[in-house]
């Protein structure tokens, strides 16, 4: 008796196979969405932690590029810091040009500023990301020199030197670096002013007030994004209820059709001594096996889908802030939802199978 019951409970027909694939697709969507949302939250958290442990950034005004701090007042600050000048410009090399951010860095130690990089008065250092973009645009390695336009002034044949030896993780890799005195010579007013002060420790409040500085609260923006990510994750949990309802409907339809199509086999089992509870257990088990198979297949596909999205995002020019971890929570939630939906959806068809032979004409002729 045990063998035919087991065979009947685990039988997969064309109908049940199609249902299992449909359940797998629904579970793939759930696992993939939850994994990507959790990975994005992990990425935002990592960025926030790095910025929180990094230097304090002070500007004058609401925007970095419009900030103008008097460079003559920097010598009165006793702290060690970096004075950053940043201006929009355009760099031309080979057959094309690209808009760039032109940056000059001056290290201050005990009130004395040192502009040690680049070395040459007319040198321009292109960071690695900018070099790659220029080489891709020209489809050839960079030449020894290029043309730079800042403040409407065009400088030609500037020597191109290697990327900066060190760079703060706050800086992108697409900047062009020049000497501060070059910017000051091009425009004494705008080129001579400083856009930002980067300090490993917070500046004294009296200095900040005297220079009219405000701290650039990048953490606030990160916190806003982190809160938004948490708000997105909550509705995704509600998606599990929708997926559970879909799975329940699929299992109910498939199990009901199986009970109707297997009336003769059910009658045979009853004639061999199977009780109504045994027959009901057969189809309840079939619903569980069907749903569990689809859920396991779907979780595997969901994990593959999430990693594929993360892998292909940079190829499409999209920023990748997603750090995927083991999706144990998403897998556990998906399997639980699938099993609960299967138990609930299989109850009515299994009860119908148990009492099927009691009805007159239940057995097909």
Protein backbone atom coordinates (compact mmCIF):
# COMPACT_ATOMS: atom_id res chain seq x y z
CA UNK A 1 0.00 0.00 0.00
CA UNK A 2 2.79 2.45 0.86
CA UNK A 3 4.42 2.26 -2.56
CA UNK A 4 1.39 3.20 -4.73
CA UNK A 5 0.47 5.96 -2.27
CA UNK A 6 3.98 7.39 -2.42
CA UNK A 7 4.02 7.15 -6.21
CA UNK A 8 0.69 8.93 -6.45
CA UNK A 9 1.78 11.71 -4.05
CA UNK A 10 5.03 12.45 -5.89
CA UNK A 11 3.80 12.05 -9.46
CA UNK A 12 4.52 14.98 -11.77
CA UNK A 13 2.35 15.30 -14.85
CA UNK A 14 2.55 17.92 -17.57
CA UNK A 15 0.03 19.98 -15.63
CA UNK A 16 1.91 19.83 -12.33
CA UNK A 17 5.24 20.50 -14.02
CA UNK A 18 3.84 23.67 -15.57
CA UNK A 19 2.49 24.66 -12.16
CA UNK A 20 5.87 24.04 -10.53
CA UNK A 21 7.56 26.31 -13.07
CA UNK A 22 4.95 29.02 -12.48
CA UNK A 23 5.59 28.78 -8.71
CA UNK A 24 9.34 28.90 -9.39
CA UNK A 25 8.93 32.11 -11.39
CA UNK A 26 6.92 33.74 -8.59
CA UNK A 27 9.51 32.68 -5.99
CA UNK A 28 12.33 33.90 -8.23
CA UNK A 29 10.79 37.38 -8.30
CA UNK A 30 10.41 37.41 -4.52
CA UNK A 31 13.91 36.15 -3.73
CA UNK A 32 15.55 38.37 -6.35
CA UNK A 33 13.74 41.51 -5.19
CA UNK A 34 14.46 40.87 -1.51
CA UNK A 35 18.12 40.05 -2.21
CA UNK A 36 18.65 43.23 -4.25
CA UNK A 37 16.90 45.38 -1.64
CA UNK A 38 18.99 43.90 1.17
CA UNK A 39 22.15 44.23 -0.93
CA UNK A 40 21.41 47.88 -1.66
CA UNK A 41 20.86 48.53 2.05
CA UNK A 42 24.20 46.85 2.77
CA UNK A 43 25.93 49.01 0.16
CA UNK A 44 24.45 52.24 1.50
CA UNK A 45 25.46 51.23 5.02
CA UNK A 46 29.04 50.58 3.92
CA UNK A 47 29.28 53.95 2.18
CA UNK A 48 27.85 55.72 5.22
CA UNK A 49 30.35 54.00 7.53
CA UNK A 50 33.28 54.96 5.30
CA UNK A 51 32.16 58.57 5.03
CA UNK A 52 31.47 58.76 8.75
CA UNK A 53 35.05 57.73 9.50
CA UNK A 54 36.52 60.01 6.84
CA UNK A 55 37.52 63.68 6.85
CA UNK A 56 35.19 66.56 7.64
CA UNK A 57 34.42 68.74 4.61
CA UNK A 58 33.74 72.46 5.02
CA UNK A 59 32.45 74.78 2.31
CA UNK A 60 31.19 78.36 2.16
CA UNK A 61 27.66 78.43 0.84
CA UNK A 62 25.27 75.67 -0.24
CA UNK A 63 27.29 74.17 -3.13
CA UNK A 64 30.85 72.95 -3.51
CA UNK A 65 31.61 74.47 -6.94
CA UNK A 66 30.10 77.85 -5.94
CA UNK A 67 31.93 77.96 -2.62
CA UNK A 68 34.67 80.60 -2.32
CA UNK A 69 36.86 80.66 0.81
CA UNK A 70 39.52 83.35 1.15
CA UNK A 71 42.85 81.58 0.70
CA UNK A 72 44.67 84.26 2.70
CA UNK A 73 42.69 83.31 5.82
CA UNK A 74 43.80 79.67 5.74
CA UNK A 75 47.15 80.43 7.36
CA UNK A 76 45.30 81.39 10.57
CA UNK A 77 43.86 77.87 10.98
CA UNK A 78 46.15 75.89 13.33
CA UNK A 79 44.82 72.47 12.31
CA UNK A 80 46.25 70.23 9.59
CA UNK A 81 43.98 70.17 6.57
CA UNK A 82 43.79 70.10 2.77
CA UNK A 83 42.57 73.12 0.80
CA UNK A 84 40.68 72.03 -2.31
CA UNK A 85 40.11 74.15 -5.38
CA UNK A 86 37.61 72.66 -7.85
CA UNK A 87 36.29 74.21 -11.06
CA UNK A 88 34.45 72.86 -14.10
CA UNK A 89 36.49 72.76 -17.26
CA UNK A 90 37.06 70.91 -20.51
CA UNK A 91 40.02 68.77 -21.46
CA UNK A 92 40.90 68.19 -25.10
CA UNK A 93 43.23 65.49 -26.34
CA UNK A 94 43.41 63.73 -29.66
CA UNK A 95 40.17 63.87 -31.64
CA UNK A 96 37.79 64.87 -28.89
CA UNK A 97 37.20 66.59 -25.56
CA UNK A 98 35.40 65.84 -22.30
CA UNK A 99 33.97 68.02 -19.54
CA UNK A 100 36.09 67.59 -16.41
CA UNK A 101 36.44 68.84 -12.86
CA UNK A 102 39.81 70.57 -12.50
CA UNK A 103 41.19 70.22 -8.97
CA UNK A 104 44.16 71.65 -7.07
CA UNK A 105 45.15 70.41 -3.61
CA UNK A 106 47.30 72.25 -1.08
CA UNK A 107 48.39 70.61 2.18
CA UNK A 108 48.44 72.89 5.22
CA UNK A 109 50.55 72.03 8.27
CA UNK A 110 50.67 74.57 11.12
CA UNK A 111 49.55 77.36 8.84
CA UNK A 112 51.98 76.61 5.99
CA UNK A 113 50.64 75.42 2.65
CA UNK A 114 52.50 73.02 0.37
CA UNK A 115 51.51 72.40 -3.25
CA UNK A 116 53.62 69.34 -4.06
CA UNK A 117 51.59 67.76 -6.86
CA UNK A 118 51.78 68.01 -9.80
CA UNK A 119 55.44 69.02 -9.90
CA UNK A 120 55.55 71.02 -13.14
CA UNK A 121 53.93 74.45 -13.27
CA UNK A 122 51.87 73.44 -16.34
CA UNK A 123 51.46 69.75 -15.63
CA UNK A 124 48.01 68.19 -15.65
CA UNK A 125 47.47 64.85 -13.91
CA UNK A 126 44.59 62.77 -15.21
CA UNK A 127 43.17 60.24 -12.77
CA UNK A 128 42.67 56.65 -13.86
CA UNK A 129 38.96 56.88 -14.63
CA UNK A 130 39.37 60.01 -16.73
CA UNK A 131 42.30 58.48 -18.63
CA UNK A 132 40.19 55.41 -19.46
CA UNK A 133 37.35 57.58 -20.74
CA UNK A 134 39.68 59.63 -22.93
CA UNK A 135 41.43 56.56 -24.33
CA UNK A 136 38.08 54.94 -25.06
CA UNK A 137 36.89 58.11 -26.80
CA UNK A 138 40.02 58.34 -28.94
CA UNK A 139 40.39 54.56 -29.37
CA UNK A 140 44.11 55.04 -28.75
CA UNK A 141 46.53 55.66 -25.87
CA UNK A 142 46.86 59.23 -24.61
CA UNK A 143 49.43 61.50 -26.13
CA UNK A 144 52.06 63.40 -24.14
CA UNK A 145 50.03 66.62 -23.92
CA UNK A 146 46.54 68.07 -24.08
CA UNK A 147 44.53 71.31 -23.97
CA UNK A 148 42.64 72.54 -20.91
CA UNK A 149 39.91 75.18 -20.78
CA UNK A 150 38.95 76.73 -17.41
CA UNK A 151 37.28 80.11 -16.70
CA UNK A 152 36.96 80.53 -20.47
CA UNK A 153 40.77 80.49 -20.80
CA UNK A 154 42.30 77.82 -23.06
CA UNK A 155 45.75 76.48 -22.27
CA UNK A 156 47.39 74.39 -24.98
CA UNK A 157 50.03 71.65 -24.94
CA UNK A 158 49.92 71.00 -21.21
CA UNK A 159 52.11 67.99 -20.31
CA UNK A 160 50.05 64.99 -19.17
CA UNK A 161 51.57 63.31 -16.10
CA UNK A 162 50.59 60.08 -14.28
CA UNK A 163 47.60 59.91 -11.91
CA UNK A 164 48.01 61.19 -8.33
CA UNK A 165 49.92 58.73 -6.11
CA UNK A 166 47.23 58.89 -3.41
CA UNK A 167 43.59 59.92 -3.44
CA UNK A 168 40.92 60.23 -0.75
CA UNK A 169 38.09 57.74 -1.16
CA UNK A 170 35.75 60.75 -1.20
CA UNK A 171 37.18 61.83 -4.56
CA UNK A 172 36.03 60.21 -7.82
CA UNK A 173 38.64 58.87 -10.22
CA UNK A 174 37.59 61.19 -13.07
CA UNK A 175 39.24 64.43 -11.92
CA UNK A 176 42.09 66.35 -13.54
CA UNK A 177 44.70 67.73 -11.11
CA UNK A 178 46.77 70.90 -11.63
CA UNK A 179 48.76 73.21 -9.38
CA UNK A 180 46.91 75.84 -7.36
CA UNK A 181 49.09 78.64 -8.72
CA UNK A 182 48.07 77.72 -12.26
CA UNK A 183 44.39 78.27 -11.41
CA UNK A 184 45.23 81.51 -9.62
CA UNK A 185 47.16 82.74 -12.66
CA UNK A 186 44.24 81.97 -14.98
CA UNK A 187 41.72 83.83 -12.79
CA UNK A 188 43.07 85.60 -9.66
CA UNK A 189 39.58 86.04 -8.16
CA UNK A 190 37.87 82.70 -8.75
CA UNK A 191 41.00 80.62 -9.26
CA UNK A 192 42.64 81.99 -6.15
CA UNK A 193 39.77 81.15 -3.81
CA UNK A 194 39.35 77.77 -2.14
CA UNK A 195 36.19 75.73 -2.55
CA UNK A 196 36.53 73.32 0.38
CA UNK A 197 38.58 72.46 3.44
CA UNK A 198 39.12 68.78 4.28
CA UNK A 199 40.18 68.05 7.84
CA UNK A 200 40.55 64.74 9.66
CA UNK A 201 39.16 66.41 12.80
CA UNK A 202 36.36 68.92 13.15
CA UNK A 203 37.47 72.53 13.00
CA UNK A 204 37.01 74.81 15.99
CA UNK A 205 33.54 76.36 15.97
CA UNK A 206 34.95 79.88 16.28
CA UNK A 207 37.04 79.39 13.12
CA UNK A 208 34.06 77.97 11.28
CA UNK A 209 31.94 80.94 12.28
CA UNK A 210 34.64 83.51 11.47
CA UNK A 211 35.20 82.14 7.96
CA UNK A 212 31.47 81.63 7.35
CA UNK A 213 31.88 77.90 6.75
CA UNK A 214 29.30 75.14 6.86
CA UNK A 215 30.01 71.47 7.13
CA UNK A 216 29.04 69.47 4.06
CA UNK A 217 26.60 66.99 5.55
CA UNK A 218 27.00 64.07 3.19
CA UNK A 219 25.92 61.80 6.04
CA UNK A 220 22.52 63.45 5.98
CA UNK A 221 22.08 62.51 2.33
CA UNK A 222 23.23 58.97 3.04
CA UNK A 223 20.82 58.73 5.96
CA UNK A 224 18.00 59.93 3.70
CA UNK A 225 18.81 57.24 1.14
CA UNK A 226 19.16 54.62 3.89
CA UNK A 227 15.70 55.55 5.26
CA UNK A 228 14.25 55.39 1.77
CA UNK A 229 15.77 51.94 1.29
CA UNK A 230 14.18 50.73 4.53
CA UNK A 231 10.84 52.09 3.36
CA UNK A 232 11.22 50.13 0.11
CA UNK A 233 12.06 46.92 1.97
CA UNK A 234 8.81 46.99 3.96
CA UNK A 235 6.50 46.85 0.88
CA UNK A 236 8.70 44.06 -0.49
CA UNK A 237 7.77 42.03 2.59
CA UNK A 238 4.13 42.62 1.61
CA UNK A 239 5.03 41.24 -1.82
CA UNK A 240 5.44 37.91 -0.04
CA UNK A 241 1.69 37.92 0.72
CA UNK A 242 0.88 38.49 -2.94
CA UNK A 243 3.27 35.73 -3.99
CA UNK A 244 1.71 33.44 -1.37
CA UNK A 245 -1.76 34.12 -2.78
CA UNK A 246 -0.53 33.38 -6.31
CA UNK A 247 1.08 30.12 -5.17
CA UNK A 248 -2.10 29.12 -3.33
CA UNK A 249 -4.23 29.67 -6.43
CA UNK A 250 -1.78 27.71 -8.60
CA UNK A 251 -1.62 24.80 -6.16
CA UNK A 252 -5.40 24.76 -5.68
CA UNK A 253 -6.04 24.65 -9.43
CA UNK A 254 -3.44 21.97 -10.09
CA UNK A 255 -4.47 19.74 -7.17
CA UNK A 256 -8.19 20.06 -7.96
CA UNK A 257 -7.59 19.01 -11.55
CA UNK A 258 -5.44 16.10 -10.39
CA UNK A 259 -8.16 14.89 -8.03
CA UNK A 260 -10.73 15.08 -10.81
CA UNK A 261 -8.48 13.27 -13.29
CA UNK A 262 -7.40 10.53 -10.82
CA UNK A 263 -10.85 9.51 -9.57
CA UNK A 264 -10.34 5.89 -10.72
CA UNK A 265 -6.98 5.62 -8.93
CA UNK A 266 -8.52 7.06 -5.78
CA UNK A 267 -11.27 4.46 -5.94
CA UNK A 268 -8.68 1.72 -6.39
CA UNK A 269 -6.81 2.89 -3.31
CA UNK A 270 -10.00 2.89 -1.30
CA UNK A 271 -10.81 -0.63 -2.47
CA UNK A 272 -7.35 -1.73 -1.31
CA UNK A 273 -8.14 -0.49 2.18
CA UNK A 274 -6.90 3.10 2.14
CA UNK A 275 -8.82 5.27 4.56
CA UNK A 276 -10.22 8.71 3.67
CA UNK A 277 -7.53 10.28 5.84
CA UNK A 278 -4.84 8.45 3.85
CA UNK A 279 -6.28 9.62 0.53
CA UNK A 280 -6.49 13.18 1.83
CA UNK A 281 -2.89 12.97 3.04
CA UNK A 282 -1.79 11.83 -0.44
CA UNK A 283 -3.05 14.98 -2.13
CA UNK A 284 -2.01 17.26 0.70
CA UNK A 285 1.49 15.79 0.33
CA UNK A 286 1.31 16.29 -3.42
CA UNK A 287 0.47 19.96 -2.90
CA UNK A 288 3.43 20.32 -0.53
CA UNK A 289 5.86 18.55 -2.87
CA UNK A 290 4.66 20.63 -5.82
CA UNK A 291 5.02 23.93 -3.95
CA UNK A 292 8.35 23.02 -2.32
CA UNK A 293 9.85 21.97 -5.66
CA UNK A 294 8.83 25.25 -7.25
CA UNK A 295 10.08 27.25 -4.26
CA UNK A 296 13.52 25.61 -4.25
CA UNK A 297 13.90 26.07 -7.99
CA UNK A 298 12.69 29.67 -7.72
CA UNK A 299 15.10 30.57 -4.92
CA UNK A 300 18.01 29.27 -6.98
CA UNK A 301 16.89 31.29 -10.00
CA UNK A 302 16.31 34.36 -7.81
CA UNK A 303 19.86 34.24 -6.46
CA UNK A 304 21.24 33.89 -9.99
CA UNK A 305 19.06 36.79 -11.17
CA UNK A 306 20.23 39.08 -8.34
CA UNK A 307 23.91 38.37 -9.06
CA UNK A 308 23.31 38.88 -12.79
CA UNK A 309 21.77 42.32 -12.16
CA UNK A 310 24.73 43.32 -9.98
CA UNK A 311 27.26 41.99 -12.52
CA UNK A 312 25.74 43.68 -15.57
CA UNK A 313 24.90 47.04 -13.96
CA UNK A 314 28.42 48.52 -14.50
CA UNK A 315 28.37 47.38 -18.14
CA UNK A 316 25.28 49.54 -18.65
CA UNK A 317 26.92 52.55 -17.01
CA UNK A 318 24.87 52.25 -13.81
CA UNK A 319 26.44 52.80 -10.38
CA UNK A 320 26.77 49.63 -8.36
CA UNK A 321 26.08 50.15 -4.66
CA UNK A 322 24.68 46.66 -4.10
CA UNK A 323 26.62 44.33 -1.81
CA UNK A 324 24.94 40.93 -1.92
CA UNK A 325 25.18 38.67 1.09
CA UNK A 326 23.82 35.17 1.72
CA UNK A 327 20.05 35.64 1.27
CA UNK A 328 19.06 33.36 4.15
CA UNK A 329 16.19 35.61 5.18
CA UNK A 330 14.77 35.82 1.66
CA UNK A 331 15.07 32.06 1.14
CA UNK A 332 13.49 31.26 4.50
CA UNK A 333 10.59 33.66 3.92
CA UNK A 334 9.98 32.29 0.42
CA UNK A 335 9.97 28.64 1.51
CA UNK A 336 7.67 29.36 4.46
CA UNK A 337 5.26 31.32 2.27
CA UNK A 338 5.22 28.54 -0.33
CA UNK A 339 4.59 25.77 2.22
CA UNK A 340 1.88 27.69 4.08
CA UNK A 341 0.17 28.50 0.77
CA UNK A 342 0.40 24.83 -0.26
CA UNK A 343 -1.14 23.56 2.99
CA UNK A 344 -3.99 26.05 2.77
CA UNK A 345 -4.61 25.54 -0.95
CA UNK A 346 -4.39 21.73 -0.77
CA UNK A 347 -6.89 21.35 2.05
CA UNK A 348 -10.06 21.59 -0.04
CA UNK A 349 -8.93 19.33 -2.94
CA UNK A 350 -7.57 16.73 -0.53
CA UNK A 351 -10.84 16.67 1.40
CA UNK A 352 -12.68 16.34 -1.89
CA UNK A 353 -10.48 13.37 -2.81
CA UNK A 354 -11.25 11.70 0.55
CA UNK A 355 -15.01 11.78 0.01
CA UNK A 356 -14.97 11.39 -3.76
CA UNK A 357 -15.93 7.73 -3.85
CA UNK A 358 -18.85 8.28 -1.57
CA UNK A 359 -20.65 10.19 -4.28
CA UNK A 360 -22.58 8.20 -6.76
CA UNK A 361 -20.92 8.06 -10.12
CA UNK A 362 -17.60 9.27 -8.84
CA UNK A 363 -15.78 6.52 -10.65
CA UNK A 364 -15.68 7.07 -14.41
CA UNK A 365 -17.14 4.26 -16.45
